[in-house]
C-alpha atoms as a PDB file:
ATOM      1  CA  UNK A   1     -60.769  18.355  86.403  1.00  0.00           C
ATOM      2  CA  UNK A   2     -60.520  20.800  89.240  1.00  0.00           C
ATOM      3  CA  UNK A   3     -63.465  22.963  90.080  1.00  0.00           C
ATOM      4  CA  UNK A   4     -63.218  26.165  92.308  1.00  0.00           C
ATOM      5  CA  UNK A   5     -66.127  26.138  94.478  1.00  0.00           C
ATOM      6  CA  UNK A   6     -66.059  29.812  95.093  1.00  0.00           C
ATOM      7  CA  UNK A   7     -65.629  31.150  91.588  1.00  0.00           C
ATOM      8  CA  UNK A   8     -68.058  28.606  89.914  1.00  0.00           C
ATOM      9  CA  UNK A   9     -70.856  28.290  92.319  1.00  0.00           C
ATOM     10  CA  UNK A  10     -73.276  27.844  89.541  1.00  0.00           C
ATOM     11  CA  UNK A  11     -71.427  24.791  88.231  1.00  0.00           C
ATOM     12  CA  UNK A  12     -71.251  23.349  91.515  1.00  0.00           C
ATOM     13  CA  UNK A  13     -74.919  23.524  92.198  1.00  0.00           C
ATOM     14  CA  UNK A  14     -75.590  21.873  88.896  1.00  0.00           C
ATOM     15  CA  UNK A  15     -73.081  19.045  89.878  1.00  0.00           C
ATOM     16  CA  UNK A  16     -74.718  18.649  93.175  1.00  0.00           C
ATOM     17  CA  UNK A  17     -71.941  20.047  95.122  1.00  0.00           C
ATOM     18  CA  UNK A  18     -69.547  17.217  94.578  1.00  0.00           C
ATOM     19  CA  UNK A  19     -65.851  18.294  95.164  1.00  0.00           C
ATOM     20  CA  UNK A  20     -64.491  15.373  93.371  1.00  0.00           C
ATOM     21  CA  UNK A  21     -65.765  12.793  91.006  1.00  0.00           C
ATOM     22  CA  UNK A  22     -64.821   9.669  89.112  1.00  0.00           C
ATOM     23  CA  UNK A  23     -66.653   8.712  85.895  1.00  0.00           C
ATOM     24  CA  UNK A  24     -66.452   5.166  84.858  1.00  0.00           C
ATOM     25  CA  UNK A  25     -65.872   4.062  81.211  1.00  0.00           C
ATOM     26  CA  UNK A  26     -69.177   2.729  79.856  1.00  0.00           C
ATOM     27  CA  UNK A  27     -70.994   2.442  76.837  1.00  0.00           C
ATOM     28  CA  UNK A  28     -71.944   5.910  75.649  1.00  0.00           C
ATOM     29  CA  UNK A  29     -75.670   5.023  75.546  1.00  0.00           C
ATOM     30  CA  UNK A  30     -75.752   4.437  79.357  1.00  0.00           C
ATOM     31  CA  UNK A  31     -75.543   7.090  81.963  1.00  0.00           C
ATOM     32  CA  UNK A  32     -72.211   6.757  83.649  1.00  0.00           C
ATOM     33  CA  UNK A  33     -72.353   6.691  87.413  1.00  0.00           C
ATOM     34  CA  UNK A  34     -70.604   9.434  89.385  1.00  0.00           C
ATOM     35  CA  UNK A  35     -68.730   8.511  92.526  1.00  0.00           C
ATOM     36  CA  UNK A  36     -67.719  10.984  95.235  1.00  0.00           C
ATOM     37  CA  UNK A  37     -64.119  11.490  96.065  1.00  0.00           C
ATOM     38  CA  UNK A  38     -63.760  12.773  99.709  1.00  0.00           C
ATOM     39  CA  UNK A  39     -60.054  12.617 100.291  1.00  0.00           C
ATOM     40  CA  UNK A  40     -57.312  15.182  99.086  1.00  0.00           C
ATOM     41  CA  UNK A  41     -54.487  12.625  99.590  1.00  0.00           C
ATOM     42  CA  UNK A  42     -53.038  11.522  96.258  1.00  0.00           C
ATOM     43  CA  UNK A  43     -52.630   7.910  97.260  1.00  0.00           C
ATOM     44  CA  UNK A  44     -55.903   7.613  98.973  1.00  0.00           C
ATOM     45  CA  UNK A  45     -57.624   9.033  95.740  1.00  0.00           C
ATOM     46  CA  UNK A  46     -55.761   6.590  93.583  1.00  0.00           C
ATOM     47  CA  UNK A  47     -56.715   3.579  95.755  1.00  0.00           C
ATOM     48  CA  UNK A  48     -60.351   4.745  95.860  1.00  0.00           C
ATOM     49  CA  UNK A  49     -60.399   5.126  92.025  1.00  0.00           C
ATOM     50  CA  UNK A  50     -58.867   1.718  91.517  1.00  0.00           C
ATOM     51  CA  UNK A  51     -61.429   0.213  93.940  1.00  0.00           C
ATOM     52  CA  UNK A  52     -64.148   1.315  91.371  1.00  0.00           C
ATOM     53  CA  UNK A  53     -62.542  -0.385  88.482  1.00  0.00           C
ATOM     54  CA  UNK A  54     -63.722  -3.847  87.355  1.00  0.00           C
ATOM     55  CA  UNK A  55     -61.825  -6.593  89.238  1.00  0.00           C
ATOM     56  CA  UNK A  56     -59.526  -9.192  87.298  1.00  0.00           C
ATOM     57  CA  UNK A  57     -60.973 -12.430  86.340  1.00  0.00           C
ATOM     58  CA  UNK A  58     -60.296 -15.433  88.470  1.00  0.00           C
ATOM     59  CA  UNK A  59     -59.662 -18.510  86.302  1.00  0.00           C
ATOM     60  CA  UNK A  60     -59.937 -22.185  87.379  1.00  0.00           C
ATOM     61  CA  UNK A  61     -58.020 -24.987  85.834  1.00  0.00           C
ATOM     62  CA  UNK A  62     -60.942 -26.082  83.527  1.00  0.00           C
ATOM     63  CA  UNK A  63     -61.320 -22.486  82.169  1.00  0.00           C
ATOM     64  CA  UNK A  64     -57.474 -22.207  81.676  1.00  0.00           C
ATOM     65  CA  UNK A  65     -57.446 -25.471  79.574  1.00  0.00           C
ATOM     66  CA  UNK A  66     -60.254 -24.142  77.373  1.00  0.00           C
ATOM     67  CA  UNK A  67     -58.348 -20.861  76.751  1.00  0.00           C
ATOM     68  CA  UNK A  68     -55.294 -22.831  75.790  1.00  0.00           C
ATOM     69  CA  UNK A  69     -57.007 -24.905  73.455  1.00  0.00           C
ATOM     70  CA  UNK A  70     -58.891 -22.044  71.957  1.00  0.00           C
ATOM     71  CA  UNK A  71     -55.558 -20.177  71.529  1.00  0.00           C
ATOM     72  CA  UNK A  72     -53.882 -23.070  69.718  1.00  0.00           C
ATOM     73  CA  UNK A  73     -56.626 -23.003  67.088  1.00  0.00           C
ATOM     74  CA  UNK A  74     -56.774 -19.261  66.703  1.00  0.00           C
ATOM     75  CA  UNK A  75     -60.315 -19.171  68.042  1.00  0.00           C
ATOM     76  CA  UNK A  76     -59.645 -16.811  71.047  1.00  0.00           C
ATOM     77  CA  UNK A  77     -58.390 -13.327  71.621  1.00  0.00           C
ATOM     78  CA  UNK A  78     -55.174 -12.640  73.482  1.00  0.00           C
ATOM     79  CA  UNK A  79     -55.012 -13.301  77.180  1.00  0.00           C
ATOM     80  CA  UNK A  80     -52.640 -11.826  79.826  1.00  0.00           C
ATOM     81  CA  UNK A  81     -52.572 -14.361  82.787  1.00  0.00           C
ATOM     82  CA  UNK A  82     -50.750 -13.748  85.988  1.00  0.00           C
ATOM     83  CA  UNK A  83     -50.108 -16.712  88.282  1.00  0.00           C
ATOM     84  CA  UNK A  84     -50.290 -15.753  91.951  1.00  0.00           C
ATOM     85  CA  UNK A  85     -50.351 -17.862  95.385  1.00  0.00           C
ATOM     86  CA  UNK A  86     -53.659 -17.157  97.177  1.00  0.00           C
ATOM     87  CA  UNK A  87     -56.343 -14.832  96.069  1.00  0.00           C
ATOM     88  CA  UNK A  88     -54.913 -12.607  93.302  1.00  0.00           C
ATOM     89  CA  UNK A  89     -58.008 -10.485  93.232  1.00  0.00           C
ATOM     90  CA  UNK A  90     -56.932  -8.842  96.506  1.00  0.00           C
ATOM     91  CA  UNK A  91     -54.095  -6.986  94.743  1.00  0.00           C
ATOM     92  CA  UNK A  92     -55.847  -3.922  93.688  1.00  0.00           C
ATOM     93  CA  UNK A  93     -52.831  -2.856  91.572  1.00  0.00           C
ATOM     94  CA  UNK A  94     -53.782  -5.261  88.724  1.00  0.00           C
ATOM     95  CA  UNK A  95     -57.085  -3.703  87.983  1.00  0.00           C
ATOM     96  CA  UNK A  96     -55.214  -1.177  85.864  1.00  0.00           C
ATOM     97  CA  UNK A  97     -54.110  -3.791  83.376  1.00  0.00           C
ATOM     98  CA  UNK A  98     -57.104  -4.067  81.112  1.00  0.00           C
ATOM     99  CA  UNK A  99     -57.069  -0.410  80.542  1.00  0.00           C
ATOM    100  CA  UNK A 100     -53.553   0.094  79.954  1.00  0.00           C
ATOM    101  CA  UNK A 101     -51.726   0.556  76.625  1.00  0.00           C
ATOM    102  CA  UNK A 102     -48.117   0.690  77.714  1.00  0.00           C
ATOM    103  CA  UNK A 103     -46.159   1.165  80.773  1.00  0.00           C
ATOM    104  CA  UNK A 104     -43.041  -6.525  86.553  1.00  0.00           C
ATOM    105  CA  UNK A 105     -44.142  -6.482  90.283  1.00  0.00           C
ATOM    106  CA  UNK A 106     -46.282  -3.406  89.116  1.00  0.00           C
ATOM    107  CA  UNK A 107     -49.041  -3.342  86.659  1.00  0.00           C
ATOM    108  CA  UNK A 108     -46.885  -1.100  84.309  1.00  0.00           C
ATOM    109  CA  UNK A 109     -44.071  -3.592  84.200  1.00  0.00           C
ATOM    110  CA  UNK A 110     -46.302  -6.554  83.570  1.00  0.00           C
ATOM    111  CA  UNK A 111     -47.948  -4.732  80.751  1.00  0.00           C
ATOM    112  CA  UNK A 112     -44.762  -3.832  79.169  1.00  0.00           C
ATOM    113  CA  UNK A 113     -43.452  -7.395  79.430  1.00  0.00           C
ATOM    114  CA  UNK A 114     -46.679  -8.903  77.877  1.00  0.00           C
ATOM    115  CA  UNK A 115     -46.538  -6.572  74.896  1.00  0.00           C
ATOM    116  CA  UNK A 116     -42.783  -7.382  74.326  1.00  0.00           C
ATOM    117  CA  UNK A 117     -43.625 -11.065  74.580  1.00  0.00           C
ATOM    118  CA  UNK A 118     -46.253 -11.073  72.131  1.00  0.00           C
ATOM    119  CA  UNK A 119     -43.891  -9.771  69.403  1.00  0.00           C
ATOM    120  CA  UNK A 120     -40.957 -12.234  70.304  1.00  0.00           C
ATOM    121  CA  UNK A 121     -41.144 -15.584  68.539  1.00  0.00           C
ATOM    122  CA  UNK A 122     -40.470 -18.114  71.198  1.00  0.00           C
ATOM    123  CA  UNK A 123     -40.629 -21.994  70.809  1.00  0.00           C
ATOM    124  CA  UNK A 124     -40.141 -24.935  72.978  1.00  0.00           C
ATOM    125  CA  UNK A 125     -37.666 -27.397  71.427  1.00  0.00           C
ATOM    126  CA  UNK A 126     -37.488 -31.140  71.872  1.00  0.00           C
ATOM    127  CA  UNK A 127     -34.821 -33.698  71.121  1.00  0.00           C
ATOM    128  CA  UNK A 128     -36.316 -34.406  67.739  1.00  0.00           C
ATOM    129  CA  UNK A 129     -35.790 -30.828  66.679  1.00  0.00           C
ATOM    130  CA  UNK A 130     -32.053 -31.204  67.302  1.00  0.00           C
ATOM    131  CA  UNK A 131     -31.914 -34.345  65.160  1.00  0.00           C
ATOM    132  CA  UNK A 132     -33.211 -32.652  62.063  1.00  0.00           C
ATOM    133  CA  UNK A 133     -32.254 -30.026  59.832  1.00  0.00           C
ATOM    134  CA  UNK A 134     -34.356 -27.627  61.699  1.00  0.00           C
ATOM    135  CA  UNK A 135     -31.965 -26.789  64.577  1.00  0.00           C
ATOM    136  CA  UNK A 136     -29.070 -29.207  63.883  1.00  0.00           C
ATOM    137  CA  UNK A 137     -25.918 -28.525  61.928  1.00  0.00           C
ATOM    138  CA  UNK A 138     -27.655 -28.533  58.587  1.00  0.00           C
ATOM    139  CA  UNK A 139     -30.128 -25.869  59.613  1.00  0.00           C
ATOM    140  CA  UNK A 140     -30.220 -22.662  57.367  1.00  0.00           C
ATOM    141  CA  UNK A 141     -31.792 -20.353  60.141  1.00  0.00           C
ATOM    142  CA  UNK A 142     -30.010 -18.773  63.097  1.00  0.00           C
ATOM    143  CA  UNK A 143     -31.288 -19.922  66.590  1.00  0.00           C
ATOM    144  CA  UNK A 144     -30.602 -18.389  69.993  1.00  0.00           C
ATOM    145  CA  UNK A 145     -31.291 -21.241  72.250  1.00  0.00           C
ATOM    146  CA  UNK A 146     -31.772 -20.995  76.119  1.00  0.00           C
ATOM    147  CA  UNK A 147     -31.085 -24.270  77.875  1.00  0.00           C
ATOM    148  CA  UNK A 148     -32.844 -24.647  81.300  1.00  0.00           C
ATOM    149  CA  UNK A 149     -34.054 -27.364  83.730  1.00  0.00           C
ATOM    150  CA  UNK A 150     -37.840 -27.802  84.244  1.00  0.00           C
ATOM    151  CA  UNK A 151     -39.295 -25.728  87.144  1.00  0.00           C
ATOM    152  CA  UNK A 152     -38.907 -22.097  88.318  1.00  0.00           C
ATOM    153  CA  UNK A 153     -35.504 -20.593  87.205  1.00  0.00           C
ATOM    154  CA  UNK A 154     -33.840 -18.120  89.515  1.00  0.00           C
ATOM    155  CA  UNK A 155     -30.629 -16.146  89.194  1.00  0.00           C
ATOM    156  CA  UNK A 156     -28.912 -18.871  91.389  1.00  0.00           C
ATOM    157  CA  UNK A 157     -29.357 -21.229  88.709  1.00  0.00           C
ATOM    158  CA  UNK A 158     -26.817 -19.171  86.583  1.00  0.00           C
ATOM    159  CA  UNK A 159     -23.237 -19.829  87.639  1.00  0.00           C
ATOM    160  CA  UNK A 160     -21.045 -16.788  87.301  1.00  0.00           C
ATOM    161  CA  UNK A 161     -18.362 -18.631  85.629  1.00  0.00           C
ATOM    162  CA  UNK A 162     -21.049 -19.402  82.740  1.00  0.00           C
ATOM    163  CA  UNK A 163     -20.456 -15.818  81.735  1.00  0.00           C
ATOM    164  CA  UNK A 164     -16.948 -16.847  80.759  1.00  0.00           C
ATOM    165  CA  UNK A 165     -17.778 -19.901  78.660  1.00  0.00           C
ATOM    166  CA  UNK A 166     -16.857 -19.732  75.063  1.00  0.00           C
ATOM    167  CA  UNK A 167     -18.101 -21.362  71.912  1.00  0.00           C
ATOM    168  CA  UNK A 168     -16.159 -22.937  69.039  1.00  0.00           C
ATOM    169  CA  UNK A 169     -15.389 -19.289  67.636  1.00  0.00           C
ATOM    170  CA  UNK A 170     -14.092 -18.081  71.102  1.00  0.00           C
ATOM    171  CA  UNK A 171     -17.144 -15.952  71.840  1.00  0.00           C
ATOM    172  CA  UNK A 172     -18.613 -15.549  75.276  1.00  0.00           C
ATOM    173  CA  UNK A 173     -22.059 -15.484  76.210  1.00  0.00           C
ATOM    174  CA  UNK A 174     -21.963 -11.586  76.574  1.00  0.00           C
ATOM    175  CA  UNK A 175     -20.361 -11.384  73.010  1.00  0.00           C
ATOM    176  CA  UNK A 176     -23.081 -13.610  71.589  1.00  0.00           C
ATOM    177  CA  UNK A 177     -25.870 -11.447  73.043  1.00  0.00           C
ATOM    178  CA  UNK A 178     -24.179  -8.479  71.650  1.00  0.00           C
ATOM    179  CA  UNK A 179     -23.651 -10.000  68.173  1.00  0.00           C
ATOM    180  CA  UNK A 180     -27.291 -11.146  67.949  1.00  0.00           C
ATOM    181  CA  UNK A 181     -28.620  -7.721  69.353  1.00  0.00           C
ATOM    182  CA  UNK A 182     -30.272  -9.543  72.095  1.00  0.00           C
ATOM    183  CA  UNK A 183     -30.335  -6.300  74.200  1.00  0.00           C
ATOM    184  CA  UNK A 184     -32.503  -7.445  76.999  1.00  0.00           C
ATOM    185  CA  UNK A 185     -30.285 -10.668  77.488  1.00  0.00           C
ATOM    186  CA  UNK A 186     -27.034  -8.501  77.454  1.00  0.00           C
ATOM    187  CA  UNK A 187     -28.553  -6.198  79.898  1.00  0.00           C
ATOM    188  CA  UNK A 188     -29.391  -9.041  82.273  1.00  0.00           C
ATOM    189  CA  UNK A 189     -25.888 -10.605  81.997  1.00  0.00           C
ATOM    190  CA  UNK A 190     -24.347  -7.263  82.641  1.00  0.00           C
ATOM    191  CA  UNK A 191     -26.381  -6.723  85.717  1.00  0.00           C
ATOM    192  CA  UNK A 192     -25.938 -10.230  87.025  1.00  0.00           C
ATOM    193  CA  UNK A 193     -22.418 -10.093  88.189  1.00  0.00           C
ATOM    194  CA  UNK A 194     -19.953  -7.179  87.935  1.00  0.00           C
ATOM    195  CA  UNK A 195     -17.004  -9.307  88.736  1.00  0.00           C
ATOM    196  CA  UNK A 196     -17.872 -11.914  85.940  1.00  0.00           C
ATOM    197  CA  UNK A 197     -18.009  -9.007  83.450  1.00  0.00           C
ATOM    198  CA  UNK A 198     -14.624  -7.906  84.602  1.00  0.00           C
ATOM    199  CA  UNK A 199     -13.308 -11.378  84.177  1.00  0.00           C
ATOM    200  CA  UNK A 200     -14.125 -11.339  80.556  1.00  0.00           C
ATOM    201  CA  UNK A 201     -11.185 -11.484  78.217  1.00  0.00           C
ATOM    202  CA  UNK A 202     -10.107  -8.044  77.282  1.00  0.00           C
ATOM    203  CA  UNK A 203     -10.334  -8.564  73.614  1.00  0.00           C
ATOM    204  CA  UNK A 204     -13.811 -10.168  74.132  1.00  0.00           C
ATOM    205  CA  UNK A 205     -14.928  -6.929  75.827  1.00  0.00           C
ATOM    206  CA  UNK A 206     -13.769  -4.878  72.858  1.00  0.00           C
ATOM    207  CA  UNK A 207     -15.511  -7.221  70.455  1.00  0.00           C
ATOM    208  CA  UNK A 208     -18.844  -7.051  72.365  1.00  0.00           C
ATOM    209  CA  UNK A 209     -18.348  -3.187  72.441  1.00  0.00           C
ATOM    210  CA  UNK A 210     -18.153  -3.071  68.729  1.00  0.00           C
ATOM    211  CA  UNK A 211     -21.226  -5.408  68.265  1.00  0.00           C
ATOM    212  CA  UNK A 212     -23.513  -3.679  70.668  1.00  0.00           C
ATOM    213  CA  UNK A 213     -25.526  -0.778  69.456  1.00  0.00           C
ATOM    214  CA  UNK A 214     -27.109   0.362  72.722  1.00  0.00           C
ATOM    215  CA  UNK A 215     -25.440   3.475  74.281  1.00  0.00           C
ATOM    216  CA  UNK A 216     -26.333   2.366  77.888  1.00  0.00           C
ATOM    217  CA  UNK A 217     -24.861  -1.074  77.489  1.00  0.00           C
ATOM    218  CA  UNK A 218     -21.917   0.379  75.528  1.00  0.00           C
ATOM    219  CA  UNK A 219     -20.990   2.300  78.509  1.00  0.00           C
ATOM    220  CA  UNK A 220     -21.176  -0.681  80.836  1.00  0.00           C
ATOM    221  CA  UNK A 221     -18.864  -2.740  78.421  1.00  0.00           C
ATOM    222  CA  UNK A 222     -16.418   0.268  78.165  1.00  0.00           C
ATOM    223  CA  UNK A 223     -16.378   0.748  81.937  1.00  0.00           C
ATOM    224  CA  UNK A 224     -15.617  -2.975  82.308  1.00  0.00           C
ATOM    225  CA  UNK A 225     -12.760  -2.774  79.845  1.00  0.00           C
ATOM    226  CA  UNK A 226     -11.449   0.415  81.521  1.00  0.00           C
ATOM    227  CA  UNK A 227     -11.399  -1.324  84.995  1.00  0.00           C
ATOM    228  CA  UNK A 228      -9.178  -4.092  83.637  1.00  0.00           C
ATOM    229  CA  UNK A 229      -6.855  -1.748  82.029  1.00  0.00           C
ATOM    230  CA  UNK A 230      -6.708   0.454  85.117  1.00  0.00           C
ATOM    231  CA  UNK A 231      -5.567  -2.178  87.468  1.00  0.00           C
ATOM    232  CA  UNK A 232      -8.587  -3.974  88.948  1.00  0.00           C
ATOM    233  CA  UNK A 233      -7.231  -7.297  87.692  1.00  0.00           C
ATOM    234  CA  UNK A 234      -3.557  -7.088  88.740  1.00  0.00           C
ATOM    235  CA  UNK A 235      -4.251  -5.909  92.406  1.00  0.00           C
ATOM    236  CA  UNK A 236      -6.775  -8.635  92.612  1.00  0.00           C
ATOM    237  CA  UNK A 237      -4.197 -11.182  91.667  1.00  0.00           C
ATOM    238  CA  UNK A 238      -1.977 -10.236  94.526  1.00  0.00           C
ATOM    239  CA  UNK A 239      -5.025 -10.110  97.054  1.00  0.00           C
ATOM    240  CA  UNK A 240      -6.494 -13.484  96.119  1.00  0.00           C
ATOM    241  CA  UNK A 241      -2.998 -15.190  96.133  1.00  0.00           C
ATOM    242  CA  UNK A 242      -2.209 -13.840  99.520  1.00  0.00           C
ATOM    243  CA  UNK A 243      -5.504 -15.077 100.844  1.00  0.00           C
ATOM    244  CA  UNK A 244      -5.090 -18.427  99.034  1.00  0.00           C
ATOM    245  CA  UNK A 245      -8.510 -18.060  97.420  1.00  0.00           C
ATOM    246  CA  UNK A 246      -8.209 -20.286  94.372  1.00  0.00           C
ATOM    247  CA  UNK A 247     -11.787 -19.851  93.308  1.00  0.00           C
ATOM    248  CA  UNK A 248     -11.709 -16.109  92.997  1.00  0.00           C
ATOM    249  CA  UNK A 249      -8.171 -16.255  91.458  1.00  0.00           C
ATOM    250  CA  UNK A 250      -9.384 -18.608  88.717  1.00  0.00           C
ATOM    251  CA  UNK A 251     -12.385 -16.443  87.993  1.00  0.00           C
ATOM    252  CA  UNK A 252     -10.199 -13.226  87.705  1.00  0.00           C
ATOM    253  CA  UNK A 253      -7.350 -14.631  85.837  1.00  0.00           C
ATOM    254  CA  UNK A 254      -7.989 -16.011  82.300  1.00  0.00           C
ATOM    255  CA  UNK A 255      -5.571 -17.562  79.824  1.00  0.00           C
ATOM    256  CA  UNK A 256      -3.972 -14.680  77.784  1.00  0.00           C
ATOM    257  CA  UNK A 257      -3.981 -12.175  80.657  1.00  0.00           C
ATOM    258  CA  UNK A 258      -0.846 -10.410  81.088  1.00  0.00           C
ATOM    259  CA  UNK A 259       0.398  -9.625  84.624  1.00  0.00           C
ATOM    260  CA  UNK A 260       2.019  -6.280  84.816  1.00  0.00           C
ATOM    261  CA  UNK A 261       5.024  -6.741  87.309  1.00  0.00           C
ATOM    262  CA  UNK A 262       5.274  -2.929  87.677  1.00  0.00           C
ATOM    263  CA  UNK A 263       1.820  -2.754  89.421  1.00  0.00           C
ATOM    264  CA  UNK A 264       1.722  -3.639  93.263  1.00  0.00           C
ATOM    265  CA  UNK A 265       5.250  -4.853  93.396  1.00  0.00           C
ATOM    266  CA  UNK A 266       5.262  -4.083  97.038  1.00  0.00           C
END
């Protein structure tokens, strides 16, 4: 609320001549304290208001174990836990989280990620699961399984040639993500390596395009297919061959690619 001091002199007197105020959200039975805002800079005002919000809770290992045990038995409400190095309470940005309804380095991204994770059924599988009818060949359910090594996973752990691997039906990872409507996974794969997307077999890109129902991702797949058709592959063959770069040549050329001898004949 903005109050004109000259036109609303009476209101200003009743509000004790405060030019700006922040009212904390408290129980309606209690009188909410009023804090003065002295700055006119938007960033300074935002920082000042956030400093008045309640700080995030710092959890020790003992409290965390209690929360996990109670969650397993359904005796506790949902928690949003952010693991940081050092004192996380120093990051004033996270004070917005408890009051947010929607919105990853920022509070908005963390809140959105947490909401999506709550609606996604995620399970940790063991070796016993693969030896039973649950996930094995006799399973009646469809599973999308992500194999990863223990510890923190980074983009360096995903080899670019992995995007070109195929299953028994000849489907690449990109095609499988499109088939099962895993839009977030497909977006990550398409953003990971442009060259690996271009190295996908042309028919595979067409199939993924038909399976995907996201306009934004369809545009990326269509652009990748057009780049192949418009000569990115063929000029690359000449360039990498002249350089003697076998790795790039292998990544670019797949079995079934047709080399147009009319392109770059010089």
